[in-house]
Protein backbone atom coordinates (compact mmCIF):
# COMPACT_ATOMS: atom_id res chain seq x y z
CA UNK A 1 17.80 -44.56 16.78
CA UNK A 2 21.21 -42.91 15.73
CA UNK A 3 19.87 -41.88 13.20
CA UNK A 4 16.68 -39.45 15.59
CA UNK A 5 19.58 -38.34 17.74
CA UNK A 6 21.22 -37.09 14.88
CA UNK A 7 18.55 -35.06 13.22
CA UNK A 8 17.65 -33.77 16.90
CA UNK A 9 21.03 -32.17 16.93
CA UNK A 10 21.02 -28.63 14.76
CA UNK A 11 17.65 -28.57 16.02
CA UNK A 12 19.13 -28.13 19.33
CA UNK A 13 22.53 -26.33 18.09
CA UNK A 14 19.94 -23.17 15.89
CA UNK A 15 17.42 -23.08 19.03
CA UNK A 16 20.69 -22.76 21.47
CA UNK A 17 22.50 -20.09 19.44
CA UNK A 18 18.87 -18.23 18.88
CA UNK A 19 18.70 -18.50 22.82
CA UNK A 20 22.75 -17.25 23.12
CA UNK A 21 22.06 -14.23 20.90
CA UNK A 22 18.77 -13.01 22.76
CA UNK A 23 20.75 -12.84 26.33
CA UNK A 24 23.97 -11.59 23.91
CA UNK A 25 21.32 -8.59 23.64
CA UNK A 26 19.67 -8.13 26.44
CA UNK A 27 23.08 -8.40 27.93
CA UNK A 28 24.55 -5.62 25.37
CA UNK A 29 21.33 -3.46 26.35
CA UNK A 30 21.64 -3.40 29.90
CA UNK A 31 25.52 -2.68 30.03
CA UNK A 32 24.50 0.58 26.93
CA UNK A 33 22.55 1.26 29.48
CA UNK A 34 24.96 1.73 32.16
CA UNK A 35 26.75 3.59 30.14
CA UNK A 36 24.50 6.12 28.79
CA UNK A 37 24.21 7.03 32.78
CA UNK A 38 27.18 6.74 33.55
CA UNK A 39 28.71 9.96 30.63
CA UNK A 40 25.06 11.69 31.59
CA UNK A 41 25.95 11.51 35.44
CA UNK A 42 29.03 12.29 34.69
CA UNK A 43 28.07 15.25 31.84
CA UNK A 44 25.68 17.36 35.30
CA UNK A 45 28.72 16.68 37.22
CA UNK A 46 30.83 18.63 35.17
CA UNK A 47 27.95 21.33 34.64
CA UNK A 48 28.27 21.88 37.81
CA UNK A 49 30.69 22.89 37.87
CA UNK A 50 30.01 26.04 35.66
CA UNK A 51 26.28 26.94 36.38
CA UNK A 52 26.79 31.28 36.01
CA UNK A 53 27.27 29.26 32.07
CA UNK A 54 24.27 26.88 32.92
CA UNK A 55 22.63 30.47 33.81
CA UNK A 56 24.09 32.51 30.42
CA UNK A 57 22.92 29.49 28.35
CA UNK A 58 19.72 29.47 29.90
CA UNK A 59 18.97 33.39 29.07
CA UNK A 60 20.42 33.58 25.67
CA UNK A 61 18.63 31.39 24.97
CA UNK A 62 15.05 32.64 26.12
CA UNK A 63 16.15 35.87 24.27
CA UNK A 64 16.52 34.47 21.45
CA UNK A 65 13.86 34.93 18.53
CA UNK A 66 11.86 31.75 17.96
CA UNK A 67 10.26 31.56 14.33
CA UNK A 68 8.02 29.58 12.98
CA UNK A 69 6.56 28.19 10.62
CA UNK A 70 8.97 27.32 7.54
CA UNK A 71 11.33 30.12 6.45
CA UNK A 72 10.47 33.01 3.51
CA UNK A 73 12.67 33.56 0.70
């Protein structure tokens, strides 16, 4: 009976280790999503302080010539 219990322990450790790794991955993905959202929100708030720059950048981008295809040599 002792041998049976000894053989079962590595399986339990492996299964619990895998489960713990999956939980850590989910937790880190959730944390990264929160950090990304927070950073995006902070940038949006900073840009809202300068609406004239946003309009100037949009106007400059719309007037820039657009290239289609690879550049010629």
